[in-house]
Each structure stands twice: as structure tokens, then as C-alpha cells.
Amino acid sequence: MKKELHKYIYFLTLFFVLALSTWLFYLLAGFPKKQFILIILAAIFYFVWGIVHHLIKGDFHLKIMLEYLLIAILAVILLKGAIFQ
């Protein structure tokens, strides 16, 4: 039961931070440099969260780290293109 609660806390933390980042992204409309900094911070959080989550879960591998890194980089590239068009 305690393990299930931790699982929900991990994912709720991820959801809350990414939802907050999305909300702040829209609040910062008109300030592309600040939006880009926010995107970088959210991507770093996502990457670190993924690593910590899998370390705690006990199934961390280099492939998993690369997956989180590549998804974070892809998100940054796509959103940077949307901001600085």
C-alpha cells in the first residue's frame, strides 16, 4: 500500500510541475526569452524526475536515461520553434 502511495505522489508531482509550467508559459505570452527559460527548466525537471523515479523504482538503465533526455530535447526544440518563429 505504501509503495502505491509513493507511485501516485511521484506522478502527481510530475503532473503538477508540468501543469504549472504550461500555465506559466501562457502567462508569459509576449516574453519569448522568459518562455524559453521556463521550457528549459521544465525539460530539466522532466529529465531529472525520470532518472530519480527509475532509480527509486530500481529499473534504471542507460536507455531509459537517453529516452528521457531525447524527449526533453525534442520538446525544447519544438517549443523553441513555436516561440521564435
PDB file of N, CA and C in Angstrom:
ATOM      1  N   MET A   1       0.829  -1.195   0.000  1.00  0.00           N
ATOM      2  CA  MET A   1       0.000   0.000   0.000  1.00  0.00           C
ATOM      3  C   MET A   1       0.869   1.254   0.000  1.00  0.00           C
ATOM      4  N   LYS A   2       1.929   1.245   0.815  1.00  0.00           N
ATOM      5  CA  LYS A   2       2.785   2.419   0.906  1.00  0.00           C
ATOM      6  C   LYS A   2       3.495   2.665  -0.426  1.00  0.00           C
ATOM      7  N   LYS A   3       3.876   1.588  -1.116  1.00  0.00           N
ATOM      8  CA  LYS A   3       4.544   1.715  -2.406  1.00  0.00           C
ATOM      9  C   LYS A   3       3.603   2.336  -3.437  1.00  0.00           C
ATOM     10  N   GLU A   4       2.328   1.957  -3.392  1.00  0.00           N
ATOM     11  CA  GLU A   4       1.335   2.521  -4.302  1.00  0.00           C
ATOM     12  C   GLU A   4       1.175   4.013  -4.049  1.00  0.00           C
ATOM     13  N   LEU A   5       1.173   4.421  -2.796  1.00  0.00           N
ATOM     14  CA  LEU A   5       1.040   5.835  -2.459  1.00  0.00           C
ATOM     15  C   LEU A   5       2.227   6.621  -2.998  1.00  0.00           C
ATOM     16  N   HIS A   6       3.434   6.093  -2.874  1.00  0.00           N
ATOM     17  CA  HIS A   6       4.614   6.766  -3.405  1.00  0.00           C
ATOM     18  C   HIS A   6       4.521   6.914  -4.916  1.00  0.00           C
ATOM     19  N   LYS A   7       4.017   5.887  -5.580  1.00  0.00           N
ATOM     20  CA  LYS A   7       3.866   5.941  -7.033  1.00  0.00           C
ATOM     21  C   LYS A   7       2.960   7.099  -7.431  1.00  0.00           C
ATOM     22  N   TYR A   8       1.855   7.256  -6.734  1.00  0.00           N
ATOM     23  CA  TYR A   8       0.936   8.343  -7.047  1.00  0.00           C
ATOM     24  C   TYR A   8       1.552   9.706  -6.738  1.00  0.00           C
ATOM     25  N   ILE A   9       2.320   9.779  -5.666  1.00  0.00           N
ATOM     26  CA  ILE A   9       2.966  11.054  -5.314  1.00  0.00           C
ATOM     27  C   ILE A   9       3.973  11.445  -6.384  1.00  0.00           C
ATOM     28  N   TYR A  10       4.753  10.484  -6.891  1.00  0.00           N
ATOM     29  CA  TYR A  10       5.726  10.786  -7.948  1.00  0.00           C
ATOM     30  C   TYR A  10       5.023  11.355  -9.174  1.00  0.00           C
ATOM     31  N   PHE A  11       3.961  10.674  -9.602  1.00  0.00           N
ATOM     32  CA  PHE A  11       3.290  11.106 -10.818  1.00  0.00           C
ATOM     33  C   PHE A  11       2.485  12.389 -10.611  1.00  0.00           C
ATOM     34  N   LEU A  12       1.922  12.581  -9.420  1.00  0.00           N
ATOM     35  CA  LEU A  12       1.239  13.843  -9.140  1.00  0.00           C
ATOM     36  C   LEU A  12       2.216  15.006  -9.131  1.00  0.00           C
ATOM     37  N   THR A  13       3.410  14.774  -8.630  1.00  0.00           N
ATOM     38  CA  THR A  13       4.439  15.820  -8.660  1.00  0.00           C
ATOM     39  C   THR A  13       4.793  16.178 -10.090  1.00  0.00           C
ATOM     40  N   LEU A  14       5.002  15.183 -10.924  1.00  0.00           N
ATOM     41  CA  LEU A  14       5.300  15.433 -12.331  1.00  0.00           C
ATOM     42  C   LEU A  14       4.155  16.188 -12.989  1.00  0.00           C
ATOM     43  N   PHE A  15       2.929  15.730 -12.784  1.00  0.00           N
ATOM     44  CA  PHE A  15       1.773  16.388 -13.380  1.00  0.00           C
ATOM     45  C   PHE A  15       1.662  17.831 -12.908  1.00  0.00           C
ATOM     46  N   PHE A  16       1.807  18.067 -11.594  1.00  0.00           N
ATOM     47  CA  PHE A  16       1.672  19.412 -11.048  1.00  0.00           C
ATOM     48  C   PHE A  16       2.720  20.359 -11.627  1.00  0.00           C
ATOM     49  N   VAL A  17       3.966  19.932 -11.679  1.00  0.00           N
ATOM     50  CA  VAL A  17       5.034  20.802 -12.188  1.00  0.00           C
ATOM     51  C   VAL A  17       4.843  21.083 -13.677  1.00  0.00           C
ATOM     52  N   LEU A  18       4.475  20.072 -14.456  1.00  0.00           N
ATOM     53  CA  LEU A  18       4.268  20.308 -15.883  1.00  0.00           C
ATOM     54  C   LEU A  18       3.021  21.144 -16.141  1.00  0.00           C
ATOM     55  N   ALA A  19       1.970  20.954 -15.343  1.00  0.00           N
ATOM     56  CA  ALA A  19       0.770  21.789 -15.475  1.00  0.00           C
ATOM     57  C   ALA A  19       1.079  23.238 -15.102  1.00  0.00           C
ATOM     58  N   LEU A  20       1.838  23.424 -14.041  1.00  0.00           N
ATOM     59  CA  LEU A  20       2.251  24.770 -13.634  1.00  0.00           C
ATOM     60  C   LEU A  20       3.115  25.418 -14.710  1.00  0.00           C
ATOM     61  N   SER A  21       3.993  24.646 -15.307  1.00  0.00           N
ATOM     62  CA  SER A  21       4.836  25.165 -16.386  1.00  0.00           C
ATOM     63  C   SER A  21       3.992  25.587 -17.580  1.00  0.00           C
ATOM     64  N   THR A  22       2.986  24.795 -17.915  1.00  0.00           N
ATOM     65  CA  THR A  22       2.095  25.140 -19.024  1.00  0.00           C
ATOM     66  C   THR A  22       1.337  26.430 -18.733  1.00  0.00           C
ATOM     67  N   TRP A  23       0.824  26.550 -17.526  1.00  0.00           N
ATOM     68  CA  TRP A  23       0.099  27.756 -17.125  1.00  0.00           C
ATOM     69  C   TRP A  23       1.011  28.985 -17.180  1.00  0.00           C
ATOM     70  N   LEU A  24       2.217  28.863 -16.648  1.00  0.00           N
ATOM     71  CA  LEU A  24       3.169  29.979 -16.681  1.00  0.00           C
ATOM     72  C   LEU A  24       3.584  30.311 -18.110  1.00  0.00           C
ATOM     73  N   PHE A  25       3.684  29.302 -18.959  1.00  0.00           N
ATOM     74  CA  PHE A  25       4.031  29.528 -20.363  1.00  0.00           C
ATOM     75  C   PHE A  25       3.016  30.457 -21.014  1.00  0.00           C
ATOM     76  N   TYR A  26       1.736  30.218 -20.763  1.00  0.00           N
ATOM     77  CA  TYR A  26       0.696  31.080 -21.328  1.00  0.00           C
ATOM     78  C   TYR A  26       0.658  32.443 -20.658  1.00  0.00           C
ATOM     79  N   LEU A  27       0.960  32.510 -19.383  1.00  0.00           N
ATOM     80  CA  LEU A  27       1.023  33.800 -18.700  1.00  0.00           C
ATOM     81  C   LEU A  27       2.162  34.670 -19.236  1.00  0.00           C
ATOM     82  N   LEU A  28       3.222  34.028 -19.680  1.00  0.00           N
ATOM     83  CA  LEU A  28       4.394  34.750 -20.179  1.00  0.00           C
ATOM     84  C   LEU A  28       4.316  35.025 -21.680  1.00  0.00           C
ATOM     85  N   ALA A  29       3.134  34.907 -22.251  1.00  0.00           N
ATOM     86  CA  ALA A  29       2.975  35.208 -23.682  1.00  0.00           C
ATOM     87  C   ALA A  29       3.424  36.646 -23.928  1.00  0.00           C
ATOM     88  N   GLY A  30       4.233  36.828 -24.951  1.00  0.00           N
ATOM     89  CA  GLY A  30       4.783  38.153 -25.243  1.00  0.00           C
ATOM     90  C   GLY A  30       6.196  38.333 -24.714  1.00  0.00           C
ATOM     91  N   PHE A  31       6.661  37.379 -23.935  1.00  0.00           N
ATOM     92  CA  PHE A  31       8.018  37.401 -23.395  1.00  0.00           C
ATOM     93  C   PHE A  31       8.739  36.111 -23.803  1.00  0.00           C
ATOM     94  N   PRO A  32       9.154  36.028 -25.063  1.00  0.00           N
ATOM     95  CA  PRO A  32       9.695  34.755 -25.562  1.00  0.00           C
ATOM     96  C   PRO A  32      10.945  34.271 -24.838  1.00  0.00           C
ATOM     97  N   LYS A  33      11.803  35.178 -24.392  1.00  0.00           N
ATOM     98  CA  LYS A  33      13.011  34.739 -23.679  1.00  0.00           C
ATOM     99  C   LYS A  33      12.646  34.075 -22.352  1.00  0.00           C
ATOM    100  N   LYS A  34      11.678  34.663 -21.651  1.00  0.00           N
ATOM    101  CA  LYS A  34      11.239  34.073 -20.382  1.00  0.00           C
ATOM    102  C   LYS A  34      10.530  32.742 -20.620  1.00  0.00           C
ATOM    103  N   GLN A  35       9.755  32.657 -21.692  1.00  0.00           N
ATOM    104  CA  GLN A  35       9.106  31.391 -22.029  1.00  0.00           C
ATOM    105  C   GLN A  35      10.149  30.313 -22.314  1.00  0.00           C
ATOM    106  N   PHE A  36      11.190  30.688 -23.032  1.00  0.00           N
ATOM    107  CA  PHE A  36      12.230  29.715 -23.365  1.00  0.00           C
ATOM    108  C   PHE A  36      12.955  29.234 -22.110  1.00  0.00           C
ATOM    109  N   ILE A  37      13.241  30.133 -21.191  1.00  0.00           N
ATOM    110  CA  ILE A  37      13.875  29.746 -19.926  1.00  0.00           C
ATOM    111  C   ILE A  37      12.964  28.779 -19.162  1.00  0.00           C
ATOM    112  N   LEU A  38      11.668  29.066 -19.162  1.00  0.00           N
ATOM    113  CA  LEU A  38      10.706  28.183 -18.499  1.00  0.00           C
ATOM    114  C   LEU A  38      10.700  26.804 -19.146  1.00  0.00           C
ATOM    115  N   ILE A  39      10.763  26.753 -20.460  1.00  0.00           N
ATOM    116  CA  ILE A  39      10.794  25.482 -21.166  1.00  0.00           C
ATOM    117  C   ILE A  39      12.040  24.689 -20.793  1.00  0.00           C
ATOM    118  N   ILE A  40      13.176  25.362 -20.744  1.00  0.00           N
ATOM    119  CA  ILE A  40      14.429  24.698 -20.362  1.00  0.00           C
ATOM    120  C   ILE A  40      14.317  24.130 -18.945  1.00  0.00           C
ATOM    121  N   LEU A  41      13.783  24.927 -18.024  1.00  0.00           N
ATOM    122  CA  LEU A  41      13.645  24.465 -16.639  1.00  0.00           C
ATOM    123  C   LEU A  41      12.690  23.279 -16.534  1.00  0.00           C
ATOM    124  N   ALA A  42      11.584  23.323 -17.273  1.00  0.00           N
ATOM    125  CA  ALA A  42      10.625  22.209 -17.249  1.00  0.00           C
ATOM    126  C   ALA A  42      11.260  20.949 -17.842  1.00  0.00           C
ATOM    127  N   ALA A  43      12.035  21.101 -18.898  1.00  0.00           N
ATOM    128  CA  ALA A  43      12.696  19.948 -19.522  1.00  0.00           C
ATOM    129  C   ALA A  43      13.733  19.345 -18.578  1.00  0.00           C
ATOM    130  N   ILE A  44      14.478  20.187 -17.888  1.00  0.00           N
ATOM    131  CA  ILE A  44      15.458  19.693 -16.914  1.00  0.00           C
ATOM    132  C   ILE A  44      14.745  18.951 -15.787  1.00  0.00           C
ATOM    133  N   PHE A  45      13.640  19.535 -15.302  1.00  0.00           N
ATOM    134  CA  PHE A  45      12.873  18.859 -14.251  1.00  0.00           C
ATOM    135  C   PHE A  45      12.392  17.499 -14.733  1.00  0.00           C
ATOM    136  N   TYR A  46      11.848  17.436 -15.944  1.00  0.00           N
ATOM    137  CA  TYR A  46      11.342  16.178 -16.503  1.00  0.00           C
ATOM    138  C   TYR A  46      12.455  15.134 -16.583  1.00  0.00           C
ATOM    139  N   PHE A  47      13.611  15.543 -17.054  1.00  0.00           N
ATOM    140  CA  PHE A  47      14.750  14.639 -17.180  1.00  0.00           C
ATOM    141  C   PHE A  47      15.194  14.121 -15.811  1.00  0.00           C
ATOM    142  N   VAL A  48      15.361  15.020 -14.864  1.00  0.00           N
ATOM    143  CA  VAL A  48      15.809  14.630 -13.517  1.00  0.00           C
ATOM    144  C   VAL A  48      14.740  13.770 -12.838  1.00  0.00           C
ATOM    145  N   TRP A  49      13.478  14.152 -12.997  1.00  0.00           N
ATOM    146  CA  TRP A  49      12.392  13.368 -12.405  1.00  0.00           C
ATOM    147  C   TRP A  49      12.411  11.940 -12.930  1.00  0.00           C
ATOM    148  N   GLY A  50      12.602  11.787 -14.229  1.00  0.00           N
ATOM    149  CA  GLY A  50      12.641  10.453 -14.825  1.00  0.00           C
ATOM    150  C   GLY A  50      13.770   9.606 -14.266  1.00  0.00           C
ATOM    151  N   ILE A  51      14.934  10.202 -14.132  1.00  0.00           N
ATOM    152  CA  ILE A  51      16.081   9.467 -13.589  1.00  0.00           C
ATOM    153  C   ILE A  51      15.830   9.065 -12.137  1.00  0.00           C
ATOM    154  N   VAL A  52      15.381  10.022 -11.328  1.00  0.00           N
ATOM    155  CA  VAL A  52      15.126   9.736  -9.911  1.00  0.00           C
ATOM    156  C   VAL A  52      14.032   8.675  -9.768  1.00  0.00           C
ATOM    157  N   HIS A  53      12.994   8.808 -10.553  1.00  0.00           N
ATOM    158  CA  HIS A  53      11.890   7.842 -10.479  1.00  0.00           C
ATOM    159  C   HIS A  53      12.382   6.421 -10.759  1.00  0.00           C
ATOM    160  N   HIS A  54      13.175   6.256 -11.791  1.00  0.00           N
ATOM    161  CA  HIS A  54      13.645   4.912 -12.135  1.00  0.00           C
ATOM    162  C   HIS A  54      14.745   4.416 -11.197  1.00  0.00           C
ATOM    163  N   LEU A  55      15.513   5.319 -10.621  1.00  0.00           N
ATOM    164  CA  LEU A  55      16.481   4.887  -9.607  1.00  0.00           C
ATOM    165  C   LEU A  55      15.762   4.342  -8.378  1.00  0.00           C
ATOM    166  N   ILE A  56      14.715   5.045  -7.959  1.00  0.00           N
ATOM    167  CA  ILE A  56      13.951   4.589  -6.800  1.00  0.00           C
ATOM    168  C   ILE A  56      13.223   3.290  -7.121  1.00  0.00           C
ATOM    169  N   LYS A  57      12.680   3.208  -8.325  1.00  0.00           N
ATOM    170  CA  LYS A  57      11.953   2.011  -8.755  1.00  0.00           C
ATOM    171  C   LYS A  57      12.885   0.815  -8.914  1.00  0.00           C
ATOM    172  N   GLY A  58      14.169   1.097  -9.191  1.00  0.00           N
ATOM    173  CA  GLY A  58      15.153   0.030  -9.292  1.00  0.00           C
ATOM    174  C   GLY A  58      15.339  -0.527 -10.690  1.00  0.00           C
ATOM    175  N   ASP A  59      14.836   0.156 -11.694  1.00  0.00           N
ATOM    176  CA  ASP A  59      14.987  -0.340 -13.061  1.00  0.00           C
ATOM    177  C   ASP A  59      15.673   0.681 -13.970  1.00  0.00           C
ATOM    178  N   PHE A  60      16.605   1.424 -13.408  1.00  0.00           N
ATOM    179  CA  PHE A  60      17.310   2.446 -14.178  1.00  0.00           C
ATOM    180  C   PHE A  60      18.339   1.805 -15.107  1.00  0.00           C
ATOM    181  N   HIS A  61      18.314   2.233 -16.372  1.00  0.00           N
ATOM    182  CA  HIS A  61      19.281   1.801 -17.376  1.00  0.00           C
ATOM    183  C   HIS A  61      19.664   3.009 -18.223  1.00  0.00           C
ATOM    184  N   LEU A  62      20.777   2.920 -18.907  1.00  0.00           N
ATOM    185  CA  LEU A  62      21.224   4.000 -19.774  1.00  0.00           C
ATOM    186  C   LEU A  62      20.182   4.310 -20.845  1.00  0.00           C
ATOM    187  N   LYS A  63      19.512   3.296 -21.365  1.00  0.00           N
ATOM    188  CA  LYS A  63      18.479   3.506 -22.385  1.00  0.00           C
ATOM    189  C   LYS A  63      17.349   4.384 -21.851  1.00  0.00           C
ATOM    190  N   ILE A  64      16.979   4.168 -20.620  1.00  0.00           N
ATOM    191  CA  ILE A  64      15.908   4.967 -20.007  1.00  0.00           C
ATOM    192  C   ILE A  64      16.347   6.409 -19.879  1.00  0.00           C
ATOM    193  N   MET A  65      17.590   6.628 -19.440  1.00  0.00           N
ATOM    194  CA  MET A  65      18.101   7.986 -19.310  1.00  0.00           C
ATOM    195  C   MET A  65      18.116   8.679 -20.675  1.00  0.00           C
ATOM    196  N   LEU A  66      18.567   7.973 -21.691  1.00  0.00           N
ATOM    197  CA  LEU A  66      18.608   8.564 -23.032  1.00  0.00           C
ATOM    198  C   LEU A  66      17.209   8.876 -23.544  1.00  0.00           C
ATOM    199  N   GLU A  67      16.262   8.026 -23.225  1.00  0.00           N
ATOM    200  CA  GLU A  67      14.879   8.279 -23.646  1.00  0.00           C
ATOM    201  C   GLU A  67      14.355   9.571 -23.029  1.00  0.00           C
ATOM    202  N   TYR A  68      14.523   9.741 -21.736  1.00  0.00           N
ATOM    203  CA  TYR A  68      14.074  10.966 -21.076  1.00  0.00           C
ATOM    204  C   TYR A  68      14.817  12.184 -21.622  1.00  0.00           C
ATOM    205  N   LEU A  69      16.108  12.039 -21.849  1.00  0.00           N
ATOM    206  CA  LEU A  69      16.898  13.143 -22.390  1.00  0.00           C
ATOM    207  C   LEU A  69      16.424  13.528 -23.789  1.00  0.00           C
ATOM    208  N   LEU A  70      16.214  12.556 -24.647  1.00  0.00           N
ATOM    209  CA  LEU A  70      15.790  12.849 -26.018  1.00  0.00           C
ATOM    210  C   LEU A  70      14.388  13.450 -26.074  1.00  0.00           C
ATOM    211  N   ILE A  71      13.493  12.992 -25.236  1.00  0.00           N
ATOM    212  CA  ILE A  71      12.152  13.578 -25.199  1.00  0.00           C
ATOM    213  C   ILE A  71      12.216  15.018 -24.712  1.00  0.00           C
ATOM    214  N   ALA A  72      13.036  15.281 -23.703  1.00  0.00           N
ATOM    215  CA  ALA A  72      13.186  16.651 -23.201  1.00  0.00           C
ATOM    216  C   ALA A  72      13.779  17.556 -24.272  1.00  0.00           C
ATOM    217  N   ILE A  73      14.801  17.080 -24.976  1.00  0.00           N
ATOM    218  CA  ILE A  73      15.420  17.877 -26.039  1.00  0.00           C
ATOM    219  C   ILE A  73      14.428  18.128 -27.173  1.00  0.00           C
ATOM    220  N   LEU A  74      13.672  17.111 -27.555  1.00  0.00           N
ATOM    221  CA  LEU A  74      12.682  17.268 -28.606  1.00  0.00           C
ATOM    222  C   LEU A  74      11.631  18.313 -28.228  1.00  0.00           C
ATOM    223  N   ALA A  75      11.166  18.272 -26.991  1.00  0.00           N
ATOM    224  CA  ALA A  75      10.182  19.252 -26.526  1.00  0.00           C
ATOM    225  C   ALA A  75      10.754  20.665 -26.583  1.00  0.00           C
ATOM    226  N   VAL A  76      12.011  20.821 -26.158  1.00  0.00           N
ATOM    227  CA  VAL A  76      12.648  22.137 -26.191  1.00  0.00           C
ATOM    228  C   VAL A  76      12.761  22.643 -27.629  1.00  0.00           C
ATOM    229  N   ILE A  77      13.188  21.783 -28.528  1.00  0.00           N
ATOM    230  CA  ILE A  77      13.354  22.186 -29.936  1.00  0.00           C
ATOM    231  C   ILE A  77      12.007  22.582 -30.543  1.00  0.00           C
ATOM    232  N   LEU A  78      10.977  21.777 -30.319  1.00  0.00           N
ATOM    233  CA  LEU A  78       9.670  22.072 -30.884  1.00  0.00           C
ATOM    234  C   LEU A  78       9.076  23.366 -30.316  1.00  0.00           C
ATOM    235  N   LEU A  79       9.165  23.538 -29.015  1.00  0.00           N
ATOM    236  CA  LEU A  79       8.598  24.740 -28.414  1.00  0.00           C
ATOM    237  C   LEU A  79       9.428  25.983 -28.736  1.00  0.00           C
ATOM    238  N   LYS A  80      10.731  25.813 -28.873  1.00  0.00           N
ATOM    239  CA  LYS A  80      11.563  26.956 -29.283  1.00  0.00           C
ATOM    240  C   LYS A  80      11.154  27.422 -30.678  1.00  0.00           C
ATOM    241  N   GLY A  81      10.898  26.467 -31.566  1.00  0.00           N
ATOM    242  CA  GLY A  81      10.437  26.823 -32.903  1.00  0.00           C
ATOM    243  C   GLY A  81       9.091  27.530 -32.875  1.00  0.00           C
ATOM    244  N   ALA A  82       8.222  27.146 -31.962  1.00  0.00           N
ATOM    245  CA  ALA A  82       6.920  27.786 -31.856  1.00  0.00           C
ATOM    246  C   ALA A  82       7.027  29.201 -31.282  1.00  0.00           C
ATOM    247  N   ILE A  83       7.957  29.409 -30.388  1.00  0.00           N
ATOM    248  CA  ILE A  83       8.122  30.729 -29.757  1.00  0.00           C
ATOM    249  C   ILE A  83       8.812  31.709 -30.686  1.00  0.00           C
ATOM    250  N   PHE A  84       9.941  31.294 -31.227  1.00  0.00           N
ATOM    251  CA  PHE A  84      10.795  32.189 -32.023  1.00  0.00           C
ATOM    252  C   PHE A  84      10.583  31.986 -33.524  1.00  0.00           C
ATOM    253  N   GLN A  85       9.341  31.974 -33.961  1.00  0.00           N
ATOM    254  CA  GLN A  85       9.079  31.755 -35.386  1.00  0.00           C
ATOM    255  C   GLN A  85       9.372  32.953 -36.233  1.00  0.00           C
TER     256      GLN A  85
END
